[in-house]
Amino acid sequence: MEKEEKKVNMTIKDGDTFFAHEMSINFNPMNFILDFKNVTPRVDPRSKESLVLHMAHNVVIVDPYHAKKIHELLGKVLGDYEKDFGRIEKPKALAKYESKAKKAGKKKAEKPKAKTTTPSYMG
């Protein structure tokens, strides 16, 4: 008896391409919540406000096992990247900016540090 071949029609909905320059990760007992963010300053001449921040974000929720697998895969891919292209270093312009900001911060009265894992949106 021959096996009958069945054809399966499948549709794939690709998401929009999204550039994220910030990310926060939170968790609860059942999930890890990865929030990829893009914050863009915009100036609208019609607005009374001088600056408008436009924030877009995409959230990915995974269970702890899959978060661990993402961690392993990302580590492997980063290792492969560094073998091919060299060690990933902080961009010189960013290091210079951080150094300058640190020096400027020492001149001002230090504010109490908030205990948070949420990144700042503008630097």
PDB file of N, CA and C in Angstrom:
ATOM      1  N   MET A   1       0.837  -1.170   0.000  1.00  0.00           N
ATOM      2  CA  MET A   1       0.000   0.000   0.000  1.00  0.00           C
ATOM      3  C   MET A   1       0.890   1.244   0.000  1.00  0.00           C
ATOM      4  N   GLU A   2       0.649   2.152  -0.919  1.00  0.00           N
ATOM      5  CA  GLU A   2       1.413   3.382  -1.033  1.00  0.00           C
ATOM      6  C   GLU A   2       0.893   4.436  -0.071  1.00  0.00           C
ATOM      7  N   LYS A   3       1.845   5.202   0.469  1.00  0.00           N
ATOM      8  CA  LYS A   3       1.438   6.316   1.333  1.00  0.00           C
ATOM      9  C   LYS A   3       0.992   7.465   0.452  1.00  0.00           C
ATOM     10  N   GLU A   4      -0.085   8.056   0.826  1.00  0.00           N
ATOM     11  CA  GLU A   4      -0.612   9.182   0.074  1.00  0.00           C
ATOM     12  C   GLU A   4       0.078  10.467   0.532  1.00  0.00           C
ATOM     13  N   GLU A   5       0.617  11.222  -0.421  1.00  0.00           N
ATOM     14  CA  GLU A   5       1.245  12.493  -0.088  1.00  0.00           C
ATOM     15  C   GLU A   5       0.185  13.563   0.015  1.00  0.00           C
ATOM     16  N   LYS A   6       0.260  14.310   1.112  1.00  0.00           N
ATOM     17  CA  LYS A   6      -0.678  15.405   1.301  1.00  0.00           C
ATOM     18  C   LYS A   6       0.083  16.710   1.190  1.00  0.00           C
ATOM     19  N   LYS A   7      -0.537  17.653   0.531  1.00  0.00           N
ATOM     20  CA  LYS A   7       0.064  18.974   0.431  1.00  0.00           C
ATOM     21  C   LYS A   7      -0.545  19.861   1.507  1.00  0.00           C
ATOM     22  N   VAL A   8       0.308  20.655   2.111  1.00  0.00           N
ATOM     23  CA  VAL A   8      -0.128  21.565   3.159  1.00  0.00           C
ATOM     24  C   VAL A   8       0.111  22.993   2.686  1.00  0.00           C
ATOM     25  N   ASN A   9      -0.921  23.780   2.731  1.00  0.00           N
ATOM     26  CA  ASN A   9      -0.781  25.200   2.422  1.00  0.00           C
ATOM     27  C   ASN A   9      -0.487  25.935   3.720  1.00  0.00           C
ATOM     28  N   MET A  10       0.528  26.776   3.685  1.00  0.00           N
ATOM     29  CA  MET A  10       0.899  27.510   4.878  1.00  0.00           C
ATOM     30  C   MET A  10       1.090  28.972   4.514  1.00  0.00           C
ATOM     31  N   THR A  11       0.592  29.842   5.382  1.00  0.00           N
ATOM     32  CA  THR A  11       0.843  31.265   5.194  1.00  0.00           C
ATOM     33  C   THR A  11       1.700  31.750   6.349  1.00  0.00           C
ATOM     34  N   ILE A  12       2.577  32.668   6.065  1.00  0.00           N
ATOM     35  CA  ILE A  12       3.452  33.225   7.083  1.00  0.00           C
ATOM     36  C   ILE A  12       3.250  34.729   7.095  1.00  0.00           C
ATOM     37  N   LYS A  13       2.950  35.251   8.260  1.00  0.00           N
ATOM     38  CA  LYS A  13       2.805  36.700   8.399  1.00  0.00           C
ATOM     39  C   LYS A  13       4.093  37.221   9.021  1.00  0.00           C
ATOM     40  N   ASP A  14       4.898  37.861   8.214  1.00  0.00           N
ATOM     41  CA  ASP A  14       6.126  38.469   8.718  1.00  0.00           C
ATOM     42  C   ASP A  14       5.790  39.773   9.414  1.00  0.00           C
ATOM     43  N   GLY A  15       6.468  40.021  10.530  1.00  0.00           N
ATOM     44  CA  GLY A  15       6.294  41.285  11.221  1.00  0.00           C
ATOM     45  C   GLY A  15       7.070  42.376  10.513  1.00  0.00           C
ATOM     46  N   ASP A  16       6.798  43.598  10.883  1.00  0.00           N
ATOM     47  CA  ASP A  16       7.532  44.730  10.321  1.00  0.00           C
ATOM     48  C   ASP A  16       8.958  44.712  10.854  1.00  0.00           C
ATOM     49  N   THR A  17       9.896  45.147  10.043  1.00  0.00           N
ATOM     50  CA  THR A  17      11.271  45.294  10.498  1.00  0.00           C
ATOM     51  C   THR A  17      11.298  46.387  11.559  1.00  0.00           C
ATOM     52  N   PHE A  18      12.058  46.146  12.594  1.00  0.00           N
ATOM     53  CA  PHE A  18      12.044  47.060  13.735  1.00  0.00           C
ATOM     54  C   PHE A  18      13.461  47.248  14.242  1.00  0.00           C
ATOM     55  N   PHE A  19      13.941  48.479  14.277  1.00  0.00           N
ATOM     56  CA  PHE A  19      15.256  48.789  14.831  1.00  0.00           C
ATOM     57  C   PHE A  19      15.065  49.153  16.295  1.00  0.00           C
ATOM     58  N   ALA A  20      15.720  48.417  17.171  1.00  0.00           N
ATOM     59  CA  ALA A  20      15.624  48.700  18.604  1.00  0.00           C
ATOM     60  C   ALA A  20      16.993  49.122  19.108  1.00  0.00           C
ATOM     61  N   HIS A  21      17.073  50.303  19.694  1.00  0.00           N
ATOM     62  CA  HIS A  21      18.332  50.735  20.276  1.00  0.00           C
ATOM     63  C   HIS A  21      18.286  50.700  21.790  1.00  0.00           C
ATOM     64  N   GLU A  22      17.172  50.260  22.336  1.00  0.00           N
ATOM     65  CA  GLU A  22      17.047  50.066  23.771  1.00  0.00           C
ATOM     66  C   GLU A  22      16.207  48.834  24.026  1.00  0.00           C
ATOM     67  N   MET A  23      16.400  48.283  25.208  1.00  0.00           N
ATOM     68  CA  MET A  23      15.657  47.065  25.550  1.00  0.00           C
ATOM     69  C   MET A  23      15.557  46.971  27.057  1.00  0.00           C
ATOM     70  N   SER A  24      14.433  46.496  27.534  1.00  0.00           N
ATOM     71  CA  SER A  24      14.320  46.157  28.946  1.00  0.00           C
ATOM     72  C   SER A  24      13.816  44.725  29.034  1.00  0.00           C
ATOM     73  N   ILE A  25      14.221  44.060  30.093  1.00  0.00           N
ATOM     74  CA  ILE A  25      13.802  42.674  30.315  1.00  0.00           C
ATOM     75  C   ILE A  25      13.258  42.568  31.724  1.00  0.00           C
ATOM     76  N   ASN A  26      12.084  42.022  31.827  1.00  0.00           N
ATOM     77  CA  ASN A  26      11.463  41.770  33.124  1.00  0.00           C
ATOM     78  C   ASN A  26      11.017  40.317  33.157  1.00  0.00           C
ATOM     79  N   PHE A  27      10.662  39.840  34.331  1.00  0.00           N
ATOM     80  CA  PHE A  27      10.193  38.461  34.425  1.00  0.00           C
ATOM     81  C   PHE A  27       9.202  38.315  35.561  1.00  0.00           C
ATOM     82  N   ASN A  28       8.426  37.273  35.458  1.00  0.00           N
ATOM     83  CA  ASN A  28       7.554  36.828  36.533  1.00  0.00           C
ATOM     84  C   ASN A  28       7.780  35.318  36.649  1.00  0.00           C
ATOM     85  N   PRO A  29       7.101  34.613  37.512  1.00  0.00           N
ATOM     86  CA  PRO A  29       7.404  33.184  37.655  1.00  0.00           C
ATOM     87  C   PRO A  29       7.210  32.347  36.378  1.00  0.00           C
ATOM     88  N   MET A  30       6.415  32.826  35.446  1.00  0.00           N
ATOM     89  CA  MET A  30       6.105  32.017  34.274  1.00  0.00           C
ATOM     90  C   MET A  30       6.723  32.523  32.964  1.00  0.00           C
ATOM     91  N   ASN A  31       7.126  33.804  32.901  1.00  0.00           N
ATOM     92  CA  ASN A  31       7.548  34.386  31.627  1.00  0.00           C
ATOM     93  C   ASN A  31       8.703  35.357  31.781  1.00  0.00           C
ATOM     94  N   PHE A  32       9.433  35.518  30.687  1.00  0.00           N
ATOM     95  CA  PHE A  32      10.380  36.620  30.533  1.00  0.00           C
ATOM     96  C   PHE A  32       9.758  37.555  29.506  1.00  0.00           C
ATOM     97  N   ILE A  33       9.785  38.842  29.803  1.00  0.00           N
ATOM     98  CA  ILE A  33       9.196  39.837  28.921  1.00  0.00           C
ATOM     99  C   ILE A  33      10.338  40.684  28.362  1.00  0.00           C
ATOM    100  N   LEU A  34      10.565  40.576  27.055  1.00  0.00           N
ATOM    101  CA  LEU A  34      11.610  41.333  26.376  1.00  0.00           C
ATOM    102  C   LEU A  34      10.928  42.476  25.644  1.00  0.00           C
ATOM    103  N   ASP A  35      11.229  43.690  26.046  1.00  0.00           N
ATOM    104  CA  ASP A  35      10.588  44.872  25.468  1.00  0.00           C
ATOM    105  C   ASP A  35      11.642  45.631  24.666  1.00  0.00           C
ATOM    106  N   PHE A  36      11.554  45.524  23.342  1.00  0.00           N
ATOM    107  CA  PHE A  36      12.484  46.195  22.436  1.00  0.00           C
ATOM    108  C   PHE A  36      11.919  47.577  22.118  1.00  0.00           C
ATOM    109  N   LYS A  37      12.754  48.617  22.296  1.00  0.00           N
ATOM    110  CA  LYS A  37      12.252  49.991  22.188  1.00  0.00           C
ATOM    111  C   LYS A  37      13.037  50.805  21.176  1.00  0.00           C
ATOM    112  N   ASN A  38      12.325  51.738  20.573  1.00  0.00           N
ATOM    113  CA  ASN A  38      12.920  52.725  19.692  1.00  0.00           C
ATOM    114  C   ASN A  38      12.329  54.064  20.091  1.00  0.00           C
ATOM    115  N   VAL A  39      13.169  54.948  20.598  1.00  0.00           N
ATOM    116  CA  VAL A  39      12.722  56.273  21.010  1.00  0.00           C
ATOM    117  C   VAL A  39      13.350  57.285  20.069  1.00  0.00           C
ATOM    118  N   THR A  40      12.501  58.060  19.419  1.00  0.00           N
ATOM    119  CA  THR A  40      12.972  59.018  18.419  1.00  0.00           C
ATOM    120  C   THR A  40      12.510  60.411  18.794  1.00  0.00           C
ATOM    121  N   PRO A  41      13.446  61.330  19.003  1.00  0.00           N
ATOM    122  CA  PRO A  41      13.022  62.715  19.246  1.00  0.00           C
ATOM    123  C   PRO A  41      12.546  63.340  17.937  1.00  0.00           C
ATOM    124  N   ARG A  42      11.470  64.062  18.015  1.00  0.00           N
ATOM    125  CA  ARG A  42      10.932  64.721  16.826  1.00  0.00           C
ATOM    126  C   ARG A  42      10.560  66.153  17.176  1.00  0.00           C
ATOM    127  N   VAL A  43      10.712  67.030  16.223  1.00  0.00           N
ATOM    128  CA  VAL A  43      10.325  68.422  16.403  1.00  0.00           C
ATOM    129  C   VAL A  43       9.160  68.692  15.462  1.00  0.00           C
ATOM    130  N   ASP A  44       8.074  69.183  16.032  1.00  0.00           N
ATOM    131  CA  ASP A  44       6.900  69.526  15.235  1.00  0.00           C
ATOM    132  C   ASP A  44       6.709  71.039  15.327  1.00  0.00           C
ATOM    133  N   PRO A  45       6.957  71.761  14.234  1.00  0.00           N
ATOM    134  CA  PRO A  45       6.857  73.226  14.289  1.00  0.00           C
ATOM    135  C   PRO A  45       5.443  73.712  14.618  1.00  0.00           C
ATOM    136  N   ARG A  46       4.433  72.882  14.412  1.00  0.00           N
ATOM    137  CA  ARG A  46       3.057  73.288  14.710  1.00  0.00           C
ATOM    138  C   ARG A  46       2.732  73.139  16.187  1.00  0.00           C
ATOM    139  N   SER A  47       3.561  72.405  16.902  1.00  0.00           N
ATOM    140  CA  SER A  47       3.295  72.121  18.304  1.00  0.00           C
ATOM    141  C   SER A  47       3.855  73.224  19.198  1.00  0.00           C
ATOM    142  N   LYS A  48       3.187  73.453  20.329  1.00  0.00           N
ATOM    143  CA  LYS A  48       3.701  74.399  21.311  1.00  0.00           C
ATOM    144  C   LYS A  48       4.889  73.779  22.052  1.00  0.00           C
ATOM    145  N   GLU A  49       4.951  72.485  22.088  1.00  0.00           N
ATOM    146  CA  GLU A  49       6.074  71.796  22.713  1.00  0.00           C
ATOM    147  C   GLU A  49       7.255  71.840  21.748  1.00  0.00           C
ATOM    148  N   SER A  50       8.438  72.039  22.282  1.00  0.00           N
ATOM    149  CA  SER A  50       9.595  72.134  21.400  1.00  0.00           C
ATOM    150  C   SER A  50      10.096  70.765  20.958  1.00  0.00           C
ATOM    151  N   LEU A  51       9.831  69.746  21.751  1.00  0.00           N
ATOM    152  CA  LEU A  51      10.334  68.425  21.430  1.00  0.00           C
ATOM    153  C   LEU A  51       9.278  67.384  21.754  1.00  0.00           C
ATOM    154  N   VAL A  52       9.084  66.464  20.851  1.00  0.00           N
ATOM    155  CA  VAL A  52       8.155  65.365  21.059  1.00  0.00           C
ATOM    156  C   VAL A  52       8.959  64.080  20.958  1.00  0.00           C
ATOM    157  N   LEU A  53       8.796  63.195  21.917  1.00  0.00           N
ATOM    158  CA  LEU A  53       9.451  61.897  21.850  1.00  0.00           C
ATOM    159  C   LEU A  53       8.460  60.878  21.311  1.00  0.00           C
ATOM    160  N   HIS A  54       8.846  60.218  20.267  1.00  0.00           N
ATOM    161  CA  HIS A  54       8.017  59.165  19.687  1.00  0.00           C
ATOM    162  C   HIS A  54       8.613  57.833  20.120  1.00  0.00           C
ATOM    163  N   MET A  55       7.847  57.019  20.821  1.00  0.00           N
ATOM    164  CA  MET A  55       8.354  55.728  21.266  1.00  0.00           C
ATOM    165  C   MET A  55       7.541  54.612  20.623  1.00  0.00           C
ATOM    166  N   ALA A  56       8.269  53.690  20.017  1.00  0.00           N
ATOM    167  CA  ALA A  56       7.651  52.490  19.484  1.00  0.00           C
ATOM    168  C   ALA A  56       8.296  51.326  20.213  1.00  0.00           C
ATOM    169  N   HIS A  57       7.526  50.288  20.470  1.00  0.00           N
ATOM    170  CA  HIS A  57       8.149  49.128  21.089  1.00  0.00           C
ATOM    171  C   HIS A  57       7.432  47.861  20.676  1.00  0.00           C
ATOM    172  N   ASN A  58       8.195  46.804  20.662  1.00  0.00           N
ATOM    173  CA  ASN A  58       7.667  45.461  20.391  1.00  0.00           C
ATOM    174  C   ASN A  58       8.022  44.597  21.583  1.00  0.00           C
ATOM    175  N   VAL A  59       7.045  43.871  22.063  1.00  0.00           N
ATOM    176  CA  VAL A  59       7.240  43.025  23.230  1.00  0.00           C
ATOM    177  C   VAL A  59       7.231  41.564  22.792  1.00  0.00           C
ATOM    178  N   VAL A  60       8.208  40.827  23.297  1.00  0.00           N
ATOM    179  CA  VAL A  60       8.279  39.390  23.056  1.00  0.00           C
ATOM    180  C   VAL A  60       8.232  38.721  24.413  1.00  0.00           C
ATOM    181  N   ILE A  61       7.305  37.783  24.588  1.00  0.00           N
ATOM    182  CA  ILE A  61       7.165  37.071  25.854  1.00  0.00           C
ATOM    183  C   ILE A  61       7.514  35.607  25.616  1.00  0.00           C
ATOM    184  N   VAL A  62       8.448  35.099  26.425  1.00  0.00           N
ATOM    185  CA  VAL A  62       8.860  33.700  26.299  1.00  0.00           C
ATOM    186  C   VAL A  62       8.885  33.063  27.680  1.00  0.00           C
ATOM    187  N   ASP A  63       8.781  31.731  27.695  1.00  0.00           N
ATOM    188  CA  ASP A  63       8.878  31.038  28.973  1.00  0.00           C
ATOM    189  C   ASP A  63      10.352  30.926  29.378  1.00  0.00           C
ATOM    190  N   PRO A  64      10.635  30.609  30.643  1.00  0.00           N
ATOM    191  CA  PRO A  64      12.033  30.577  31.108  1.00  0.00           C
ATOM    192  C   PRO A  64      12.935  29.642  30.303  1.00  0.00           C
ATOM    193  N   TYR A  65      12.431  28.494  29.889  1.00  0.00           N
ATOM    194  CA  TYR A  65      13.247  27.564  29.112  1.00  0.00           C
ATOM    195  C   TYR A  65      13.689  28.203  27.799  1.00  0.00           C
ATOM    196  N   HIS A  66      12.761  28.849  27.105  1.00  0.00           N
ATOM    197  CA  HIS A  66      13.107  29.467  25.828  1.00  0.00           C
ATOM    198  C   HIS A  66      13.990  30.702  26.025  1.00  0.00           C
ATOM    199  N   ALA A  67      13.835  31.427  27.136  1.00  0.00           N
ATOM    200  CA  ALA A  67      14.740  32.545  27.435  1.00  0.00           C
ATOM    201  C   ALA A  67      16.166  32.017  27.570  1.00  0.00           C
ATOM    202  N   LYS A  68      16.324  30.868  28.219  1.00  0.00           N
ATOM    203  CA  LYS A  68      17.649  30.262  28.373  1.00  0.00           C
ATOM    204  C   LYS A  68      18.213  29.858  27.013  1.00  0.00           C
ATOM    205  N   LYS A  69      17.380  29.320  26.134  1.00  0.00           N
ATOM    206  CA  LYS A  69      17.833  28.919  24.800  1.00  0.00           C
ATOM    207  C   LYS A  69      18.228  30.151  23.972  1.00  0.00           C
ATOM    208  N   ILE A  70      17.496  31.250  24.109  1.00  0.00           N
ATOM    209  CA  ILE A  70      17.857  32.495  23.422  1.00  0.00           C
ATOM    210  C   ILE A  70      19.227  32.957  23.918  1.00  0.00           C
ATOM    211  N   HIS A  71      19.440  32.890  25.223  1.00  0.00           N
ATOM    212  CA  HIS A  71      20.724  33.274  25.816  1.00  0.00           C
ATOM    213  C   HIS A  71      21.860  32.434  25.228  1.00  0.00           C
ATOM    214  N   GLU A  72      21.673  31.133  25.149  1.00  0.00           N
ATOM    215  CA  GLU A  72      22.704  30.242  24.591  1.00  0.00           C
ATOM    216  C   GLU A  72      22.973  30.553  23.120  1.00  0.00           C
ATOM    217  N   LEU A  73      21.911  30.731  22.348  1.00  0.00           N
ATOM    218  CA  LEU A  73      22.064  31.004  20.923  1.00  0.00           C
ATOM    219  C   LEU A  73      22.745  32.354  20.686  1.00  0.00           C
ATOM    220  N   LEU A  74      22.338  33.369  21.434  1.00  0.00           N
ATOM    221  CA  LEU A  74      22.952  34.683  21.278  1.00  0.00           C
ATOM    222  C   LEU A  74      24.436  34.620  21.622  1.00  0.00           C
ATOM    223  N   GLY A  75      24.793  33.891  22.673  1.00  0.00           N
ATOM    224  CA  GLY A  75      26.202  33.724  23.026  1.00  0.00           C
ATOM    225  C   GLY A  75      26.993  33.057  21.918  1.00  0.00           C
ATOM    226  N   LYS A  76      26.417  32.035  21.308  1.00  0.00           N
ATOM    227  CA  LYS A  76      27.094  31.329  20.212  1.00  0.00           C
ATOM    228  C   LYS A  76      27.265  32.256  19.002  1.00  0.00           C
ATOM    229  N   VAL A  77      26.213  32.959  18.645  1.00  0.00           N
ATOM    230  CA  VAL A  77      26.260  33.841  17.482  1.00  0.00           C
ATOM    231  C   VAL A  77      27.254  34.990  17.709  1.00  0.00           C
ATOM    232  N   LEU A  78      27.282  35.553  18.914  1.00  0.00           N
ATOM    233  CA  LEU A  78      28.255  36.611  19.207  1.00  0.00           C
ATOM    234  C   LEU A  78      29.681  36.071  19.127  1.00  0.00           C
ATOM    235  N   GLY A  79      29.892  34.855  19.626  1.00  0.00           N
ATOM    236  CA  GLY A  79      31.211  34.238  19.526  1.00  0.00           C
ATOM    237  C   GLY A  79      31.628  34.039  18.085  1.00  0.00           C
ATOM    238  N   ASP A  80      30.704  33.553  17.254  1.00  0.00           N
ATOM    239  CA  ASP A  80      30.995  33.370  15.822  1.00  0.00           C
ATOM    240  C   ASP A  80      31.298  34.704  15.150  1.00  0.00           C
ATOM    241  N   TYR A  81      30.535  35.732  15.495  1.00  0.00           N
ATOM    242  CA  TYR A  81      30.743  37.064  14.926  1.00  0.00           C
ATOM    243  C   TYR A  81      32.148  37.557  15.265  1.00  0.00           C
ATOM    244  N   GLU A  82      32.522  37.428  16.541  1.00  0.00           N
ATOM    245  CA  GLU A  82      33.834  37.924  16.966  1.00  0.00           C
ATOM    246  C   GLU A  82      34.978  37.123  16.344  1.00  0.00           C
ATOM    247  N   LYS A  83      34.770  35.838  16.073  1.00  0.00           N
ATOM    248  CA  LYS A  83      35.793  35.046  15.367  1.00  0.00           C
ATOM    249  C   LYS A  83      35.991  35.582  13.955  1.00  0.00           C
ATOM    250  N   ASP A  84      34.897  35.963  13.308  1.00  0.00           N
ATOM    251  CA  ASP A  84      34.961  36.443  11.918  1.00  0.00           C
ATOM    252  C   ASP A  84      35.428  37.898  11.810  1.00  0.00           C
ATOM    253  N   PHE A  85      34.969  38.746  12.730  1.00  0.00           N
ATOM    254  CA  PHE A  85      35.173  40.183  12.559  1.00  0.00           C
ATOM    255  C   PHE A  85      35.981  40.849  13.673  1.00  0.00           C
ATOM    256  N   GLY A  86      36.350  40.133  14.697  1.00  0.00           N
ATOM    257  CA  GLY A  86      37.094  40.713  15.811  1.00  0.00           C
ATOM    258  C   GLY A  86      36.186  41.051  16.973  1.00  0.00           C
ATOM    259  N   ARG A  87      36.825  41.372  18.081  1.00  0.00           N
ATOM    260  CA  ARG A  87      36.106  41.642  19.324  1.00  0.00           C
ATOM    261  C   ARG A  87      35.180  42.842  19.182  1.00  0.00           C
ATOM    262  N   ILE A  88      33.997  42.720  19.724  1.00  0.00           N
ATOM    263  CA  ILE A  88      33.032  43.824  19.719  1.00  0.00           C
ATOM    264  C   ILE A  88      33.412  44.764  20.863  1.00  0.00           C
ATOM    265  N   GLU A  89      33.636  46.013  20.530  1.00  0.00           N
ATOM    266  CA  GLU A  89      34.039  47.011  21.523  1.00  0.00           C
ATOM    267  C   GLU A  89      33.012  48.147  21.537  1.00  0.00           C
ATOM    268  N   LYS A  90      33.006  48.859  22.642  1.00  0.00           N
ATOM    269  CA  LYS A  90      32.145  50.039  22.725  1.00  0.00           C
ATOM    270  C   LYS A  90      32.645  51.062  21.711  1.00  0.00           C
ATOM    271  N   PRO A  91      31.748  51.661  20.916  1.00  0.00           N
ATOM    272  CA  PRO A  91      32.183  52.677  19.947  1.00  0.00           C
ATOM    273  C   PRO A  91      32.911  53.826  20.653  1.00  0.00           C
ATOM    274  N   LYS A  92      33.975  54.311  20.030  1.00  0.00           N
ATOM    275  CA  LYS A  92      34.786  55.376  20.624  1.00  0.00           C
ATOM    276  C   LYS A  92      33.958  56.625  20.908  1.00  0.00           C
ATOM    277  N   ALA A  93      33.048  56.954  20.012  1.00  0.00           N
ATOM    278  CA  ALA A  93      32.217  58.148  20.213  1.00  0.00           C
ATOM    279  C   ALA A  93      31.348  57.994  21.464  1.00  0.00           C
ATOM    280  N   LEU A  94      30.832  56.796  21.714  1.00  0.00           N
ATOM    281  CA  LEU A  94      30.005  56.560  22.897  1.00  0.00           C
ATOM    282  C   LEU A  94      30.855  56.641  24.164  1.00  0.00           C
ATOM    283  N   ALA A  95      32.037  56.053  24.136  1.00  0.00           N
ATOM    284  CA  ALA A  95      32.931  56.115  25.298  1.00  0.00           C
ATOM    285  C   ALA A  95      33.290  57.570  25.609  1.00  0.00           C
ATOM    286  N   LYS A  96      33.554  58.364  24.573  1.00  0.00           N
ATOM    287  CA  LYS A  96      33.887  59.772  24.756  1.00  0.00           C
ATOM    288  C   LYS A  96      32.708  60.535  25.356  1.00  0.00           C
ATOM    289  N   TYR A  97      31.514  60.260  24.848  1.00  0.00           N
ATOM    290  CA  TYR A  97      30.301  60.908  25.361  1.00  0.00           C
ATOM    291  C   TYR A  97      30.080  60.553  26.836  1.00  0.00           C
ATOM    292  N   GLU A  98      30.227  59.269  27.181  1.00  0.00           N
ATOM    293  CA  GLU A  98      30.027  58.840  28.562  1.00  0.00           C
ATOM    294  C   GLU A  98      31.053  59.475  29.496  1.00  0.00           C
ATOM    295  N   SER A  99      32.295  59.569  29.047  1.00  0.00           N
ATOM    296  CA  SER A  99      33.342  60.197  29.847  1.00  0.00           C
ATOM    297  C   SER A  99      33.026  61.667  30.083  1.00  0.00           C
ATOM    298  N   LYS A 100      32.600  62.344  29.030  1.00  0.00           N
ATOM    299  CA  LYS A 100      32.244  63.759  29.132  1.00  0.00           C
ATOM    300  C   LYS A 100      31.051  63.951  30.071  1.00  0.00           C
ATOM    301  N   ALA A 101      30.048  63.092  29.947  1.00  0.00           N
ATOM    302  CA  ALA A 101      28.859  63.191  30.794  1.00  0.00           C
ATOM    303  C   ALA A 101      29.208  62.903  32.254  1.00  0.00           C
ATOM    304  N   LYS A 102      30.117  61.970  32.479  1.00  0.00           N
ATOM    305  CA  LYS A 102      30.535  61.623  33.842  1.00  0.00           C
ATOM    306  C   LYS A 102      31.242  62.818  34.492  1.00  0.00           C
ATOM    307  N   LYS A 103      32.126  63.464  33.734  1.00  0.00           N
ATOM    308  CA  LYS A 103      32.835  64.636  34.258  1.00  0.00           C
ATOM    309  C   LYS A 103      31.851  65.756  34.561  1.00  0.00           C
ATOM    310  N   ALA A 104      30.876  65.971  33.689  1.00  0.00           N
ATOM    311  CA  ALA A 104      29.872  67.022  33.903  1.00  0.00           C
ATOM    312  C   ALA A 104      29.018  66.679  35.117  1.00  0.00           C
ATOM    313  N   GLY A 105      28.735  65.406  35.330  1.00  0.00           N
ATOM    314  CA  GLY A 105      27.929  64.971  36.464  1.00  0.00           C
ATOM    315  C   GLY A 105      28.631  65.192  37.785  1.00  0.00           C
ATOM    316  N   LYS A 106      29.962  65.072  37.812  1.00  0.00           N
ATOM    317  CA  LYS A 106      30.717  65.287  39.049  1.00  0.00           C
ATOM    318  C   LYS A 106      30.681  66.754  39.462  1.00  0.00           C
ATOM    319  N   LYS A 107      30.552  67.638  38.483  1.00  0.00           N
ATOM    320  CA  LYS A 107      30.511  69.068  38.777  1.00  0.00           C
ATOM    321  C   LYS A 107      29.188  69.459  39.427  1.00  0.00           C
ATOM    322  N   LYS A 108      28.123  68.738  39.099  1.00  0.00           N
ATOM    323  CA  LYS A 108      26.804  69.016  39.665  1.00  0.00           C
ATOM    324  C   LYS A 108      26.653  68.232  40.959  1.00  0.00           C
ATOM    325  N   ALA A 109      25.712  68.651  41.791  1.00  0.00           N
ATOM    326  CA  ALA A 109      25.423  67.879  43.001  1.00  0.00           C
ATOM    327  C   ALA A 109      24.869  66.527  42.585  1.00  0.00           C
ATOM    328  N   GLU A 110      25.391  65.479  43.196  1.00  0.00           N
ATOM    329  CA  GLU A 110      24.948  64.142  42.810  1.00  0.00           C
ATOM    330  C   GLU A 110      23.534  63.877  43.308  1.00  0.00           C
ATOM    331  N   LYS A 111      22.725  63.335  42.432  1.00  0.00           N
ATOM    332  CA  LYS A 111      21.369  62.959  42.781  1.00  0.00           C
ATOM    333  C   LYS A 111      21.399  61.555  43.352  1.00  0.00           C
ATOM    334  N   PRO A 112      20.461  61.212  44.234  1.00  0.00           N
ATOM    335  CA  PRO A 112      20.410  59.834  44.723  1.00  0.00           C
ATOM    336  C   PRO A 112      20.121  58.893  43.551  1.00  0.00           C
ATOM    337  N   LYS A 113      20.809  57.779  43.532  1.00  0.00           N
ATOM    338  CA  LYS A 113      20.629  56.823  42.449  1.00  0.00           C
ATOM    339  C   LYS A 113      19.375  55.998  42.686  1.00  0.00           C
ATOM    340  N   ALA A 114      18.523  55.942  41.668  1.00  0.00           N
ATOM    341  CA  ALA A 114      17.314  55.131  41.746  1.00  0.00           C
ATOM    342  C   ALA A 114      17.669  53.685  41.448  1.00  0.00           C
ATOM    343  N   LYS A 115      17.050  52.781  42.158  1.00  0.00           N
ATOM    344  CA  LYS A 115      17.283  51.363  41.899  1.00  0.00           C
ATOM    345  C   LYS A 115      16.276  50.912  40.852  1.00  0.00           C
ATOM    346  N   THR A 116      16.746  50.855  39.602  1.00  0.00           N
ATOM    347  CA  THR A 116      15.868  50.467  38.505  1.00  0.00           C
ATOM    348  C   THR A 116      16.678  49.768  37.426  1.00  0.00           C
ATOM    349  N   THR A 117      16.013  48.925  36.669  1.00  0.00           N
ATOM    350  CA  THR A 117      16.663  48.272  35.532  1.00  0.00           C
ATOM    351  C   THR A 117      16.160  48.846  34.224  1.00  0.00           C
ATOM    352  N   THR A 118      15.309  49.866  34.315  1.00  0.00           N
ATOM    353  CA  THR A 118      14.770  50.476  33.118  1.00  0.00           C
ATOM    354  C   THR A 118      15.786  51.471  32.570  1.00  0.00           C
ATOM    355  N   PRO A 119      16.125  51.365  31.277  1.00  0.00           N
ATOM    356  CA  PRO A 119      17.119  52.278  30.723  1.00  0.00           C
ATOM    357  C   PRO A 119      16.553  53.684  30.555  1.00  0.00           C
ATOM    358  N   SER A 120      17.449  54.675  30.580  1.00  0.00           N
ATOM    359  CA  SER A 120      17.011  56.024  30.279  1.00  0.00           C
ATOM    360  C   SER A 120      16.810  56.110  28.768  1.00  0.00           C
ATOM    361  N   TYR A 121      15.969  57.000  28.326  1.00  0.00           N
ATOM    362  CA  TYR A 121      15.649  57.053  26.908  1.00  0.00           C
ATOM    363  C   TYR A 121      16.494  58.017  26.111  1.00  0.00           C
ATOM    364  N   MET A 122      17.204  58.892  26.751  1.00  0.00           N
ATOM    365  CA  MET A 122      17.966  59.871  25.999  1.00  0.00           C
ATOM    366  C   MET A 122      19.421  59.917  26.455  1.00  0.00           C
ATOM    367  N   GLY A 123      20.036  58.757  26.574  1.00  0.00           N
ATOM    368  CA  GLY A 123      21.451  58.763  26.893  1.00  0.00           C
ATOM    369  C   GLY A 123      21.757  58.037  28.087  1.00  0.00           C
TER     370      GLY A 123
END
